[in-house]
């Protein structure tokens, strides 16, 4: 049973005495209660994000494998080239999520950088091993597997960014964007008809461009709102730059994944595009849509999160009115005594 510690003059010092004590280098009383309460909650949230990130990666790999198994020849090559952006994005987000969870849950003896990089490396090695074991070890596949491992390692490096709440908000916003993308895929044909797709090729192309833009804008809004909500639940007291960075985070991850896809998957894309002019046009269009989507999600997410934070700011406190001037002693009027006569 603990007893309340009696206050000493040093504990109760305020004003000039407290300033002198601080300037003299004496330690101040520790205030670890908010950290102790927030750490387990932050660790649980990081673990949930890691599980969701790994689940998304596993579902993406399984879907790509099922598609390639059903296809054959040049069609399988085209399907693999089209699936690369989704796989790289899932690997990057999973690396960030697992690295973030490892950094949050590791003890003080493990440096944050080591835990984050280790988590991303584990995801990268697992993805690379699945690719090599499932599809062989040709030179192109080895390059692709190494790029996947490097992408997850980049995610692990990004997970150690401070403050950590920005990383968690970025992962949460990215997962929200994934959910919206799945809904778009499930309602793709209906949405195209809603946006004016008809029997002509021109109407279908126009509706496809409209849907891509609308999905990117809606994805940025959803990612920004989710990132904002994640930060608001953290007791860190962060300002608008943190909300701006968190809202832009999902778009940054998409942009990095698309750039890595263009560099590492260039060989595979060249082989797929060499089959026909139509395949080359389709791959070029998909690449352009991916980059445009990443940029739109980046800017719209950042603006949405910042606006949402700005709406929570109350009006500024009014300035204090200056105190009335004290009349001088010489200008005071003599008080009338009881015996004074008019």
C-alpha atoms as a PDB file:
ATOM      1  CA  UNK A   1       0.000   0.000   0.000  1.00  0.00           C
ATOM      2  CA  UNK A   2       1.502   3.287  -1.025  1.00  0.00           C
ATOM      3  CA  UNK A   3       1.147   6.434   1.072  1.00  0.00           C
ATOM      4  CA  UNK A   4       0.935   9.922  -0.371  1.00  0.00           C
ATOM      5  CA  UNK A   5       4.265  11.652  -0.232  1.00  0.00           C
ATOM      6  CA  UNK A   6       4.277  14.783   1.854  1.00  0.00           C
ATOM      7  CA  UNK A   7       4.939  17.948  -0.063  1.00  0.00           C
ATOM      8  CA  UNK A   8       8.225  19.666   0.447  1.00  0.00           C
ATOM      9  CA  UNK A   9       9.012  23.282  -0.285  1.00  0.00           C
ATOM     10  CA  UNK A  10      10.771  22.204  -3.491  1.00  0.00           C
ATOM     11  CA  UNK A  11       7.648  20.359  -4.669  1.00  0.00           C
ATOM     12  CA  UNK A  12       5.371  23.338  -3.993  1.00  0.00           C
ATOM     13  CA  UNK A  13       7.658  25.903  -5.531  1.00  0.00           C
ATOM     14  CA  UNK A  14       6.030  28.105  -8.106  1.00  0.00           C
ATOM     15  CA  UNK A  15       6.872  31.305  -9.883  1.00  0.00           C
ATOM     16  CA  UNK A  16      10.456  32.582  -9.565  1.00  0.00           C
ATOM     17  CA  UNK A  17      11.472  29.761  -7.226  1.00  0.00           C
ATOM     18  CA  UNK A  18      10.423  27.131  -9.794  1.00  0.00           C
ATOM     19  CA  UNK A  19      12.329  28.964 -12.545  1.00  0.00           C
ATOM     20  CA  UNK A  20      15.460  29.055 -10.412  1.00  0.00           C
ATOM     21  CA  UNK A  21      15.119  25.339  -9.679  1.00  0.00           C
ATOM     22  CA  UNK A  22      14.732  24.538 -13.353  1.00  0.00           C
ATOM     23  CA  UNK A  23      17.700  26.690 -14.321  1.00  0.00           C
ATOM     24  CA  UNK A  24      19.907  25.095 -11.687  1.00  0.00           C
ATOM     25  CA  UNK A  25      19.536  21.698 -13.351  1.00  0.00           C
ATOM     26  CA  UNK A  26      17.645  19.959 -10.560  1.00  0.00           C
ATOM     27  CA  UNK A  27      15.432  17.107 -11.849  1.00  0.00           C
ATOM     28  CA  UNK A  28      11.732  17.808 -11.934  1.00  0.00           C
ATOM     29  CA  UNK A  29       9.146  15.271 -10.807  1.00  0.00           C
ATOM     30  CA  UNK A  30       8.451  12.642 -13.474  1.00  0.00           C
ATOM     31  CA  UNK A  31       5.019  12.597 -15.115  1.00  0.00           C
ATOM     32  CA  UNK A  32       4.784   9.210 -16.778  1.00  0.00           C
ATOM     33  CA  UNK A  33       1.094   8.503 -16.208  1.00  0.00           C
ATOM     34  CA  UNK A  34      -0.165   9.574 -19.691  1.00  0.00           C
ATOM     35  CA  UNK A  35       2.592   7.562 -21.381  1.00  0.00           C
ATOM     36  CA  UNK A  36       1.855   4.495 -19.311  1.00  0.00           C
ATOM     37  CA  UNK A  37      -1.828   4.689 -20.186  1.00  0.00           C
ATOM     38  CA  UNK A  38      -1.320   5.381 -23.914  1.00  0.00           C
ATOM     39  CA  UNK A  39       1.439   2.855 -24.634  1.00  0.00           C
ATOM     40  CA  UNK A  40      -0.652  -0.331 -24.390  1.00  0.00           C
ATOM     41  CA  UNK A  41      -3.451   1.226 -26.413  1.00  0.00           C
ATOM     42  CA  UNK A  42      -0.994   2.335 -29.100  1.00  0.00           C
ATOM     43  CA  UNK A  43       0.573  -1.121 -29.121  1.00  0.00           C
ATOM     44  CA  UNK A  44      -2.796  -2.813 -29.608  1.00  0.00           C
ATOM     45  CA  UNK A  45      -3.686  -0.457 -32.456  1.00  0.00           C
ATOM     46  CA  UNK A  46      -0.326  -1.146 -34.130  1.00  0.00           C
ATOM     47  CA  UNK A  47      -0.863  -4.906 -33.799  1.00  0.00           C
ATOM     48  CA  UNK A  48      -4.314  -4.647 -35.398  1.00  0.00           C
ATOM     49  CA  UNK A  49      -2.914  -2.611 -38.290  1.00  0.00           C
ATOM     50  CA  UNK A  50      -0.134  -5.177 -38.781  1.00  0.00           C
ATOM     51  CA  UNK A  51      -2.618  -8.053 -38.919  1.00  0.00           C
ATOM     52  CA  UNK A  52      -4.770  -6.194 -41.441  1.00  0.00           C
ATOM     53  CA  UNK A  53      -1.750  -5.267 -43.555  1.00  0.00           C
ATOM     54  CA  UNK A  54      -0.478  -8.846 -43.674  1.00  0.00           C
ATOM     55  CA  UNK A  55      -3.998 -10.107 -44.451  1.00  0.00           C
ATOM     56  CA  UNK A  56      -4.252  -7.692 -47.380  1.00  0.00           C
ATOM     57  CA  UNK A  57      -0.846  -8.827 -48.669  1.00  0.00           C
ATOM     58  CA  UNK A  58      -1.818 -12.485 -48.399  1.00  0.00           C
ATOM     59  CA  UNK A  59      -5.125 -11.866 -50.196  1.00  0.00           C
ATOM     60  CA  UNK A  60      -3.347  -9.951 -52.974  1.00  0.00           C
ATOM     61  CA  UNK A  61      -0.787 -12.719 -53.502  1.00  0.00           C
ATOM     62  CA  UNK A  62      -3.472 -15.385 -53.487  1.00  0.00           C
ATOM     63  CA  UNK A  63      -5.613 -13.477 -55.992  1.00  0.00           C
ATOM     64  CA  UNK A  64      -2.660 -12.931 -58.328  1.00  0.00           C
ATOM     65  CA  UNK A  65      -1.672 -16.601 -58.103  1.00  0.00           C
ATOM     66  CA  UNK A  66      -5.225 -17.742 -58.838  1.00  0.00           C
ATOM     67  CA  UNK A  67      -5.410 -15.443 -61.857  1.00  0.00           C
ATOM     68  CA  UNK A  68      -2.095 -16.666 -63.244  1.00  0.00           C
ATOM     69  CA  UNK A  69      -3.082 -20.285 -62.685  1.00  0.00           C
ATOM     70  CA  UNK A  70      -6.248 -19.880 -64.743  1.00  0.00           C
ATOM     71  CA  UNK A  71      -4.397 -18.071 -67.527  1.00  0.00           C
ATOM     72  CA  UNK A  72      -1.725 -19.333 -69.848  1.00  0.00           C
ATOM     73  CA  UNK A  73       0.848 -18.120 -72.343  1.00  0.00           C
ATOM     74  CA  UNK A  74       0.751 -14.435 -73.238  1.00  0.00           C
ATOM     75  CA  UNK A  75      -2.411 -13.852 -71.237  1.00  0.00           C
ATOM     76  CA  UNK A  76      -0.666 -14.976 -68.045  1.00  0.00           C
ATOM     77  CA  UNK A  77       2.206 -12.610 -68.841  1.00  0.00           C
ATOM     78  CA  UNK A  78      -0.197  -9.697 -69.263  1.00  0.00           C
ATOM     79  CA  UNK A  79      -2.060 -10.596 -66.075  1.00  0.00           C
ATOM     80  CA  UNK A  80       1.216 -10.701 -64.141  1.00  0.00           C
ATOM     81  CA  UNK A  81       2.231  -7.270 -65.462  1.00  0.00           C
ATOM     82  CA  UNK A  82      -1.138  -5.796 -64.503  1.00  0.00           C
ATOM     83  CA  UNK A  83      -0.980  -7.351 -61.012  1.00  0.00           C
ATOM     84  CA  UNK A  84       2.455  -5.935 -60.179  1.00  0.00           C
ATOM     85  CA  UNK A  85       1.285  -2.515 -58.848  1.00  0.00           C
ATOM     86  CA  UNK A  86      -1.166  -4.114 -56.412  1.00  0.00           C
ATOM     87  CA  UNK A  87       1.476  -6.572 -55.154  1.00  0.00           C
ATOM     88  CA  UNK A  88       4.113  -3.884 -54.673  1.00  0.00           C
ATOM     89  CA  UNK A  89       1.614  -1.639 -52.883  1.00  0.00           C
ATOM     90  CA  UNK A  90       0.504  -4.443 -50.566  1.00  0.00           C
ATOM     91  CA  UNK A  91       4.134  -5.368 -49.821  1.00  0.00           C
ATOM     92  CA  UNK A  92       4.997  -1.756 -49.003  1.00  0.00           C
ATOM     93  CA  UNK A  93       1.992  -1.189 -46.729  1.00  0.00           C
ATOM     94  CA  UNK A  94       2.537  -4.541 -44.980  1.00  0.00           C
ATOM     95  CA  UNK A  95       6.184  -3.648 -44.397  1.00  0.00           C
ATOM     96  CA  UNK A  96       5.183  -0.327 -42.856  1.00  0.00           C
ATOM     97  CA  UNK A  97       2.482  -1.929 -40.711  1.00  0.00           C
ATOM     98  CA  UNK A  98       4.632  -4.797 -39.394  1.00  0.00           C
ATOM     99  CA  UNK A  99       7.619  -2.523 -38.833  1.00  0.00           C
ATOM    100  CA  UNK A 100       5.402  -0.055 -36.980  1.00  0.00           C
ATOM    101  CA  UNK A 101       3.983  -2.818 -34.770  1.00  0.00           C
ATOM    102  CA  UNK A 102       7.463  -4.185 -34.048  1.00  0.00           C
ATOM    103  CA  UNK A 103       8.734  -0.730 -33.105  1.00  0.00           C
ATOM    104  CA  UNK A 104       5.741  -0.060 -30.861  1.00  0.00           C
ATOM    105  CA  UNK A 105       5.708  -3.431 -29.128  1.00  0.00           C
ATOM    106  CA  UNK A 106       9.455  -3.925 -28.714  1.00  0.00           C
ATOM    107  CA  UNK A 107      10.955  -3.189 -25.343  1.00  0.00           C
ATOM    108  CA  UNK A 108      13.296  -0.317 -24.540  1.00  0.00           C
ATOM    109  CA  UNK A 109      16.319  -2.581 -25.058  1.00  0.00           C
ATOM    110  CA  UNK A 110      15.569  -2.899 -28.797  1.00  0.00           C
ATOM    111  CA  UNK A 111      16.221   0.302 -30.775  1.00  0.00           C
ATOM    112  CA  UNK A 112      13.231   1.531 -32.697  1.00  0.00           C
ATOM    113  CA  UNK A 113      15.133   1.525 -35.991  1.00  0.00           C
ATOM    114  CA  UNK A 114      16.217  -2.092 -35.561  1.00  0.00           C
ATOM    115  CA  UNK A 115      12.679  -3.244 -34.757  1.00  0.00           C
ATOM    116  CA  UNK A 116      11.131  -1.357 -37.680  1.00  0.00           C
ATOM    117  CA  UNK A 117      13.687  -2.485 -40.249  1.00  0.00           C
ATOM    118  CA  UNK A 118      13.505  -6.034 -38.939  1.00  0.00           C
ATOM    119  CA  UNK A 119       9.744  -6.159 -39.317  1.00  0.00           C
ATOM    120  CA  UNK A 120       9.906  -4.871 -42.884  1.00  0.00           C
ATOM    121  CA  UNK A 121      12.719  -7.291 -43.737  1.00  0.00           C
ATOM    122  CA  UNK A 122      10.722 -10.280 -42.477  1.00  0.00           C
ATOM    123  CA  UNK A 123       7.807  -9.381 -44.750  1.00  0.00           C
ATOM    124  CA  UNK A 124      10.112  -8.801 -47.709  1.00  0.00           C
ATOM    125  CA  UNK A 125      11.921 -12.105 -47.320  1.00  0.00           C
ATOM    126  CA  UNK A 126       8.630 -13.971 -46.975  1.00  0.00           C
ATOM    127  CA  UNK A 127       7.244 -12.450 -50.200  1.00  0.00           C
ATOM    128  CA  UNK A 128      10.490 -13.083 -52.085  1.00  0.00           C
ATOM    129  CA  UNK A 129      10.558 -16.708 -50.929  1.00  0.00           C
ATOM    130  CA  UNK A 130       6.961 -17.268 -52.072  1.00  0.00           C
ATOM    131  CA  UNK A 131       7.731 -15.849 -55.523  1.00  0.00           C
ATOM    132  CA  UNK A 132      10.862 -17.933 -56.022  1.00  0.00           C
ATOM    133  CA  UNK A 133       9.318 -21.139 -54.702  1.00  0.00           C
ATOM    134  CA  UNK A 134       6.117 -20.732 -56.667  1.00  0.00           C
ATOM    135  CA  UNK A 135       7.373 -19.518 -60.050  1.00  0.00           C
ATOM    136  CA  UNK A 136      11.028 -20.494 -60.335  1.00  0.00           C
ATOM    137  CA  UNK A 137      14.373 -18.768 -60.085  1.00  0.00           C
ATOM    138  CA  UNK A 138      14.960 -17.241 -63.493  1.00  0.00           C
ATOM    139  CA  UNK A 139      16.875 -13.982 -63.655  1.00  0.00           C
ATOM    140  CA  UNK A 140      13.742 -11.882 -64.170  1.00  0.00           C
ATOM    141  CA  UNK A 141      11.991 -13.522 -61.219  1.00  0.00           C
ATOM    142  CA  UNK A 142      15.052 -13.116 -58.997  1.00  0.00           C
ATOM    143  CA  UNK A 143      15.109  -9.397 -59.796  1.00  0.00           C
ATOM    144  CA  UNK A 144      11.391  -9.174 -59.115  1.00  0.00           C
ATOM    145  CA  UNK A 145      11.686 -11.029 -55.794  1.00  0.00           C
ATOM    146  CA  UNK A 146      14.586  -8.826 -54.707  1.00  0.00           C
ATOM    147  CA  UNK A 147      12.539  -5.746 -55.576  1.00  0.00           C
ATOM    148  CA  UNK A 148       9.650  -7.047 -53.466  1.00  0.00           C
ATOM    149  CA  UNK A 149      11.990  -7.589 -50.519  1.00  0.00           C
ATOM    150  CA  UNK A 150      13.474  -4.115 -50.972  1.00  0.00           C
ATOM    151  CA  UNK A 151      10.003  -2.571 -51.109  1.00  0.00           C
ATOM    152  CA  UNK A 152       9.008  -4.126 -47.787  1.00  0.00           C
ATOM    153  CA  UNK A 153      12.333  -3.024 -46.313  1.00  0.00           C
ATOM    154  CA  UNK A 154      11.584   0.531 -47.449  1.00  0.00           C
ATOM    155  CA  UNK A 155       8.274   0.204 -45.643  1.00  0.00           C
ATOM    156  CA  UNK A 156      10.082  -0.923 -42.503  1.00  0.00           C
ATOM    157  CA  UNK A 157      12.353   2.105 -42.738  1.00  0.00           C
ATOM    158  CA  UNK A 158       9.324   4.386 -43.125  1.00  0.00           C
ATOM    159  CA  UNK A 159       7.753   2.880 -40.005  1.00  0.00           C
ATOM    160  CA  UNK A 160      10.315   4.534 -37.719  1.00  0.00           C
ATOM    161  CA  UNK A 161       9.291   8.069 -38.708  1.00  0.00           C
ATOM    162  CA  UNK A 162       8.469  10.269 -35.752  1.00  0.00           C
ATOM    163  CA  UNK A 163       6.022  11.012 -34.309  1.00  0.00           C
ATOM    164  CA  UNK A 164       4.852   7.384 -34.516  1.00  0.00           C
ATOM    165  CA  UNK A 165       1.178   8.392 -34.664  1.00  0.00           C
ATOM    166  CA  UNK A 166       1.707   9.687 -38.207  1.00  0.00           C
ATOM    167  CA  UNK A 167       2.857   6.227 -39.311  1.00  0.00           C
ATOM    168  CA  UNK A 168      -0.180   4.565 -37.767  1.00  0.00           C
ATOM    169  CA  UNK A 169      -2.503   7.099 -39.380  1.00  0.00           C
ATOM    170  CA  UNK A 170      -0.844   6.508 -42.759  1.00  0.00           C
ATOM    171  CA  UNK A 171      -1.353   2.743 -42.515  1.00  0.00           C
ATOM    172  CA  UNK A 172      -4.965   3.186 -41.388  1.00  0.00           C
ATOM    173  CA  UNK A 173      -5.667   5.552 -44.274  1.00  0.00           C
ATOM    174  CA  UNK A 174      -4.049   3.149 -46.748  1.00  0.00           C
ATOM    175  CA  UNK A 175      -6.188   0.252 -45.526  1.00  0.00           C
ATOM    176  CA  UNK A 176      -9.291   2.425 -45.849  1.00  0.00           C
ATOM    177  CA  UNK A 177      -8.299   3.177 -49.438  1.00  0.00           C
ATOM    178  CA  UNK A 178      -8.007  -0.571 -50.041  1.00  0.00           C
ATOM    179  CA  UNK A 179     -11.551  -1.169 -48.775  1.00  0.00           C
ATOM    180  CA  UNK A 180     -12.881   1.511 -51.110  1.00  0.00           C
ATOM    181  CA  UNK A 181     -10.939  -0.017 -54.014  1.00  0.00           C
ATOM    182  CA  UNK A 182     -12.509  -3.407 -53.317  1.00  0.00           C
ATOM    183  CA  UNK A 183     -15.959  -1.830 -53.363  1.00  0.00           C
ATOM    184  CA  UNK A 184     -15.142  -0.146 -56.663  1.00  0.00           C
ATOM    185  CA  UNK A 185     -14.018  -3.465 -58.147  1.00  0.00           C
ATOM    186  CA  UNK A 186     -17.204  -5.191 -57.030  1.00  0.00           C
ATOM    187  CA  UNK A 187     -19.432  -2.485 -58.498  1.00  0.00           C
ATOM    188  CA  UNK A 188     -17.286  -1.725 -61.524  1.00  0.00           C
ATOM    189  CA  UNK A 189     -19.802  -2.475 -64.267  1.00  0.00           C
ATOM    190  CA  UNK A 190     -22.649  -0.722 -62.497  1.00  0.00           C
ATOM    191  CA  UNK A 191     -20.526   2.344 -61.882  1.00  0.00           C
ATOM    192  CA  UNK A 192     -19.510   2.480 -65.519  1.00  0.00           C
ATOM    193  CA  UNK A 193     -23.149   2.453 -66.611  1.00  0.00           C
ATOM    194  CA  UNK A 194     -23.929   5.107 -64.032  1.00  0.00           C
ATOM    195  CA  UNK A 195     -21.181   7.309 -65.480  1.00  0.00           C
ATOM    196  CA  UNK A 196     -22.503   7.038 -69.028  1.00  0.00           C
ATOM    197  CA  UNK A 197     -20.961   3.900 -70.499  1.00  0.00           C
ATOM    198  CA  UNK A 198     -22.956   2.695 -73.493  1.00  0.00           C
ATOM    199  CA  UNK A 199     -22.464   0.432 -76.444  1.00  0.00           C
ATOM    200  CA  UNK A 200     -19.909   2.638 -78.192  1.00  0.00           C
ATOM    201  CA  UNK A 201     -16.198   2.419 -77.453  1.00  0.00           C
ATOM    202  CA  UNK A 202     -15.954   6.190 -76.944  1.00  0.00           C
ATOM    203  CA  UNK A 203     -18.599   6.196 -74.206  1.00  0.00           C
ATOM    204  CA  UNK A 204     -16.919   3.294 -72.429  1.00  0.00           C
ATOM    205  CA  UNK A 205     -13.513   4.976 -72.521  1.00  0.00           C
ATOM    206  CA  UNK A 206     -14.996   8.238 -71.226  1.00  0.00           C
ATOM    207  CA  UNK A 207     -16.826   6.457 -68.419  1.00  0.00           C
ATOM    208  CA  UNK A 208     -13.642   4.575 -67.489  1.00  0.00           C
ATOM    209  CA  UNK A 209     -11.701   7.831 -67.150  1.00  0.00           C
ATOM    210  CA  UNK A 210     -14.490   9.367 -65.088  1.00  0.00           C
ATOM    211  CA  UNK A 211     -14.598   6.363 -62.790  1.00  0.00           C
ATOM    212  CA  UNK A 212     -10.828   6.407 -62.297  1.00  0.00           C
ATOM    213  CA  UNK A 213     -10.906  10.086 -61.326  1.00  0.00           C
ATOM    214  CA  UNK A 214     -13.946   9.703 -59.068  1.00  0.00           C
ATOM    215  CA  UNK A 215     -12.416   6.671 -57.343  1.00  0.00           C
ATOM    216  CA  UNK A 216      -9.158   8.549 -56.755  1.00  0.00           C
ATOM    217  CA  UNK A 217     -10.922  11.587 -55.285  1.00  0.00           C
ATOM    218  CA  UNK A 218     -13.183   9.478 -53.067  1.00  0.00           C
ATOM    219  CA  UNK A 219     -10.209   7.356 -52.021  1.00  0.00           C
ATOM    220  CA  UNK A 220      -8.268  10.470 -51.025  1.00  0.00           C
ATOM    221  CA  UNK A 221     -11.205  11.781 -48.996  1.00  0.00           C
ATOM    222  CA  UNK A 222     -11.689   8.473 -47.194  1.00  0.00           C
ATOM    223  CA  UNK A 223      -7.954   8.102 -46.525  1.00  0.00           C
ATOM    224  CA  UNK A 224      -7.737  11.658 -45.191  1.00  0.00           C
ATOM    225  CA  UNK A 225     -10.739  11.254 -42.896  1.00  0.00           C
ATOM    226  CA  UNK A 226      -9.476   7.947 -41.495  1.00  0.00           C
ATOM    227  CA  UNK A 227      -5.995   9.379 -40.939  1.00  0.00           C
ATOM    228  CA  UNK A 228      -7.528  12.373 -39.174  1.00  0.00           C
ATOM    229  CA  UNK A 229      -9.685  10.155 -36.951  1.00  0.00           C
ATOM    230  CA  UNK A 230      -6.669   8.030 -36.042  1.00  0.00           C
ATOM    231  CA  UNK A 231      -4.638  11.046 -34.959  1.00  0.00           C
ATOM    232  CA  UNK A 232      -7.517  12.581 -33.015  1.00  0.00           C
ATOM    233  CA  UNK A 233      -7.730   9.453 -30.860  1.00  0.00           C
ATOM    234  CA  UNK A 234      -4.064   9.728 -29.885  1.00  0.00           C
ATOM    235  CA  UNK A 235      -3.233  11.896 -26.847  1.00  0.00           C
ATOM    236  CA  UNK A 236      -0.200  13.484 -28.509  1.00  0.00           C
ATOM    237  CA  UNK A 237      -1.538  17.009 -29.084  1.00  0.00           C
ATOM    238  CA  UNK A 238      -0.123  17.223 -32.614  1.00  0.00           C
ATOM    239  CA  UNK A 239      -0.593  20.302 -34.784  1.00  0.00           C
ATOM    240  CA  UNK A 240      -1.747  20.749 -38.357  1.00  0.00           C
ATOM    241  CA  UNK A 241       1.575  19.689 -39.987  1.00  0.00           C
ATOM    242  CA  UNK A 242       1.112  16.204 -38.523  1.00  0.00           C
ATOM    243  CA  UNK A 243      -2.422  15.984 -39.928  1.00  0.00           C
ATOM    244  CA  UNK A 244      -1.173  17.208 -43.293  1.00  0.00           C
ATOM    245  CA  UNK A 245       1.537  14.531 -43.369  1.00  0.00           C
ATOM    246  CA  UNK A 246      -0.811  11.779 -42.179  1.00  0.00           C
ATOM    247  CA  UNK A 247      -3.400  12.628 -44.819  1.00  0.00           C
ATOM    248  CA  UNK A 248      -0.767  12.634 -47.553  1.00  0.00           C
ATOM    249  CA  UNK A 249       0.817   9.400 -46.303  1.00  0.00           C
ATOM    250  CA  UNK A 250      -1.409   6.907 -48.190  1.00  0.00           C
ATOM    251  CA  UNK A 251      -0.813   8.756 -51.456  1.00  0.00           C
ATOM    252  CA  UNK A 252       2.930   8.781 -50.800  1.00  0.00           C
ATOM    253  CA  UNK A 253       2.920   4.997 -50.328  1.00  0.00           C
ATOM    254  CA  UNK A 254       0.953   4.525 -53.549  1.00  0.00           C
ATOM    255  CA  UNK A 255       3.369   6.780 -55.413  1.00  0.00           C
ATOM    256  CA  UNK A 256       6.433   4.933 -54.088  1.00  0.00           C
ATOM    257  CA  UNK A 257       4.900   1.571 -55.009  1.00  0.00           C
ATOM    258  CA  UNK A 258       4.111   2.760 -58.547  1.00  0.00           C
ATOM    259  CA  UNK A 259       7.633   4.086 -59.053  1.00  0.00           C
ATOM    260  CA  UNK A 260       9.176   0.833 -57.807  1.00  0.00           C
ATOM    261  CA  UNK A 261       6.850  -1.071 -60.150  1.00  0.00           C
ATOM    262  CA  UNK A 262       8.018   0.957 -63.139  1.00  0.00           C
ATOM    263  CA  UNK A 263      11.672   0.333 -62.265  1.00  0.00           C
ATOM    264  CA  UNK A 264      11.647  -3.269 -61.062  1.00  0.00           C
ATOM    265  CA  UNK A 265       8.874  -4.542 -63.300  1.00  0.00           C
ATOM    266  CA  UNK A 266      10.179  -2.949 -66.470  1.00  0.00           C
ATOM    267  CA  UNK A 267      11.438  -6.230 -67.906  1.00  0.00           C
ATOM    268  CA  UNK A 268       8.153  -8.021 -67.337  1.00  0.00           C
ATOM    269  CA  UNK A 269       6.152  -5.125 -68.718  1.00  0.00           C
ATOM    270  CA  UNK A 270       8.316  -5.011 -71.837  1.00  0.00           C
ATOM    271  CA  UNK A 271       7.711  -8.698 -72.498  1.00  0.00           C
ATOM    272  CA  UNK A 272       3.970  -8.280 -72.015  1.00  0.00           C
ATOM    273  CA  UNK A 273       3.783  -5.164 -74.189  1.00  0.00           C
ATOM    274  CA  UNK A 274       5.692  -6.831 -77.043  1.00  0.00           C
ATOM    275  CA  UNK A 275       2.847  -9.253 -77.732  1.00  0.00           C
ATOM    276  CA  UNK A 276       0.535  -6.723 -79.394  1.00  0.00           C
ATOM    277  CA  UNK A 277      -0.151  -3.023 -79.744  1.00  0.00           C
ATOM    278  CA  UNK A 278      -3.386  -3.360 -77.767  1.00  0.00           C
ATOM    279  CA  UNK A 279      -1.566  -4.897 -74.809  1.00  0.00           C
ATOM    280  CA  UNK A 280       1.021  -2.120 -74.892  1.00  0.00           C
ATOM    281  CA  UNK A 281      -1.713   0.520 -74.865  1.00  0.00           C
ATOM    282  CA  UNK A 282      -3.514  -1.190 -71.996  1.00  0.00           C
ATOM    283  CA  UNK A 283      -0.349  -1.425 -69.875  1.00  0.00           C
ATOM    284  CA  UNK A 284       0.536   2.199 -70.582  1.00  0.00           C
ATOM    285  CA  UNK A 285      -2.954   3.333 -69.648  1.00  0.00           C
ATOM    286  CA  UNK A 286      -2.885   1.287 -66.423  1.00  0.00           C
ATOM    287  CA  UNK A 287       0.494   2.774 -65.498  1.00  0.00           C
ATOM    288  CA  UNK A 288      -0.713   6.332 -66.099  1.00  0.00           C
ATOM    289  CA  UNK A 289      -3.890   5.725 -64.104  1.00  0.00           C
ATOM    290  CA  UNK A 290      -1.850   4.364 -61.209  1.00  0.00           C
ATOM    291  CA  UNK A 291       0.405   7.411 -61.054  1.00  0.00           C
ATOM    292  CA  UNK A 292      -2.502   9.834 -61.385  1.00  0.00           C
ATOM    293  CA  UNK A 293      -4.420   7.999 -58.668  1.00  0.00           C
ATOM    294  CA  UNK A 294      -1.451   8.185 -56.312  1.00  0.00           C
ATOM    295  CA  UNK A 295      -1.072  11.942 -56.839  1.00  0.00           C
ATOM    296  CA  UNK A 296      -4.791  12.600 -56.403  1.00  0.00           C
ATOM    297  CA  UNK A 297      -4.955  10.516 -53.218  1.00  0.00           C
ATOM    298  CA  UNK A 298      -1.873  12.328 -51.902  1.00  0.00           C
ATOM    299  CA  UNK A 299      -3.197  15.860 -52.379  1.00  0.00           C
ATOM    300  CA  UNK A 300      -6.864  15.181 -51.619  1.00  0.00           C
ATOM    301  CA  UNK A 301      -5.971  13.186 -48.511  1.00  0.00           C
ATOM    302  CA  UNK A 302      -3.670  15.909 -47.208  1.00  0.00           C
ATOM    303  CA  UNK A 303      -6.254  18.643 -47.814  1.00  0.00           C
ATOM    304  CA  UNK A 304      -9.079  16.598 -46.279  1.00  0.00           C
ATOM    305  CA  UNK A 305      -7.175  15.761 -43.110  1.00  0.00           C
ATOM    306  CA  UNK A 306      -5.999  19.347 -42.656  1.00  0.00           C
ATOM    307  CA  UNK A 307      -9.494  20.781 -43.173  1.00  0.00           C
ATOM    308  CA  UNK A 308     -10.952  18.251 -40.730  1.00  0.00           C
ATOM    309  CA  UNK A 309      -8.388  19.310 -38.136  1.00  0.00           C
ATOM    310  CA  UNK A 310      -9.035  22.997 -38.788  1.00  0.00           C
ATOM    311  CA  UNK A 311     -12.747  22.561 -38.117  1.00  0.00           C
ATOM    312  CA  UNK A 312     -11.943  21.404 -34.582  1.00  0.00           C
ATOM    313  CA  UNK A 313     -10.096  24.613 -33.728  1.00  0.00           C
ATOM    314  CA  UNK A 314     -12.178  26.989 -31.666  1.00  0.00           C
ATOM    315  CA  UNK A 315     -12.175  30.781 -31.959  1.00  0.00           C
ATOM    316  CA  UNK A 316      -9.130  32.525 -30.596  1.00  0.00           C
ATOM    317  CA  UNK A 317      -9.409  33.886 -27.075  1.00  0.00           C
ATOM    318  CA  UNK A 318     -10.171  37.635 -26.915  1.00  0.00           C
ATOM    319  CA  UNK A 319      -7.339  39.873 -25.835  1.00  0.00           C
ATOM    320  CA  UNK A 320      -7.453  41.105 -22.266  1.00  0.00           C
ATOM    321  CA  UNK A 321      -8.548  44.721 -21.856  1.00  0.00           C
ATOM    322  CA  UNK A 322      -5.921  47.038 -20.395  1.00  0.00           C
ATOM    323  CA  UNK A 323      -6.398  47.798 -16.734  1.00  0.00           C
ATOM    324  CA  UNK A 324      -7.764  51.238 -15.838  1.00  0.00           C
ATOM    325  CA  UNK A 325      -5.131  53.787 -14.903  1.00  0.00           C
ATOM    326  CA  UNK A 326      -4.773  54.389 -11.171  1.00  0.00           C
ATOM    327  CA  UNK A 327      -5.377  58.075 -10.298  1.00  0.00           C
ATOM    328  CA  UNK A 328      -2.458  59.870  -8.726  1.00  0.00           C
ATOM    329  CA  UNK A 329      -2.610  60.795  -5.086  1.00  0.00           C
ATOM    330  CA  UNK A 330      -2.365  64.507  -5.811  1.00  0.00           C
ATOM    331  CA  UNK A 331      -5.397  64.529  -8.073  1.00  0.00           C
ATOM    332  CA  UNK A 332      -7.772  62.796  -5.673  1.00  0.00           C
ATOM    333  CA  UNK A 333     -10.692  64.932  -4.598  1.00  0.00           C
ATOM    334  CA  UNK A 334     -11.075  65.315  -0.824  1.00  0.00           C
ATOM    335  CA  UNK A 335     -13.945  63.340   0.611  1.00  0.00           C
ATOM    336  CA  UNK A 336     -16.714  65.371   2.123  1.00  0.00           C
ATOM    337  CA  UNK A 337     -16.837  65.018   5.880  1.00  0.00           C
ATOM    338  CA  UNK A 338     -20.006  64.882   7.911  1.00  0.00           C
ATOM    339  CA  UNK A 339     -19.455  68.429   9.275  1.00  0.00           C
ATOM    340  CA  UNK A 340     -18.899  70.148   5.917  1.00  0.00           C
ATOM    341  CA  UNK A 341     -21.494  72.703   4.907  1.00  0.00           C
ATOM    342  CA  UNK A 342     -22.448  73.818   1.365  1.00  0.00           C
END
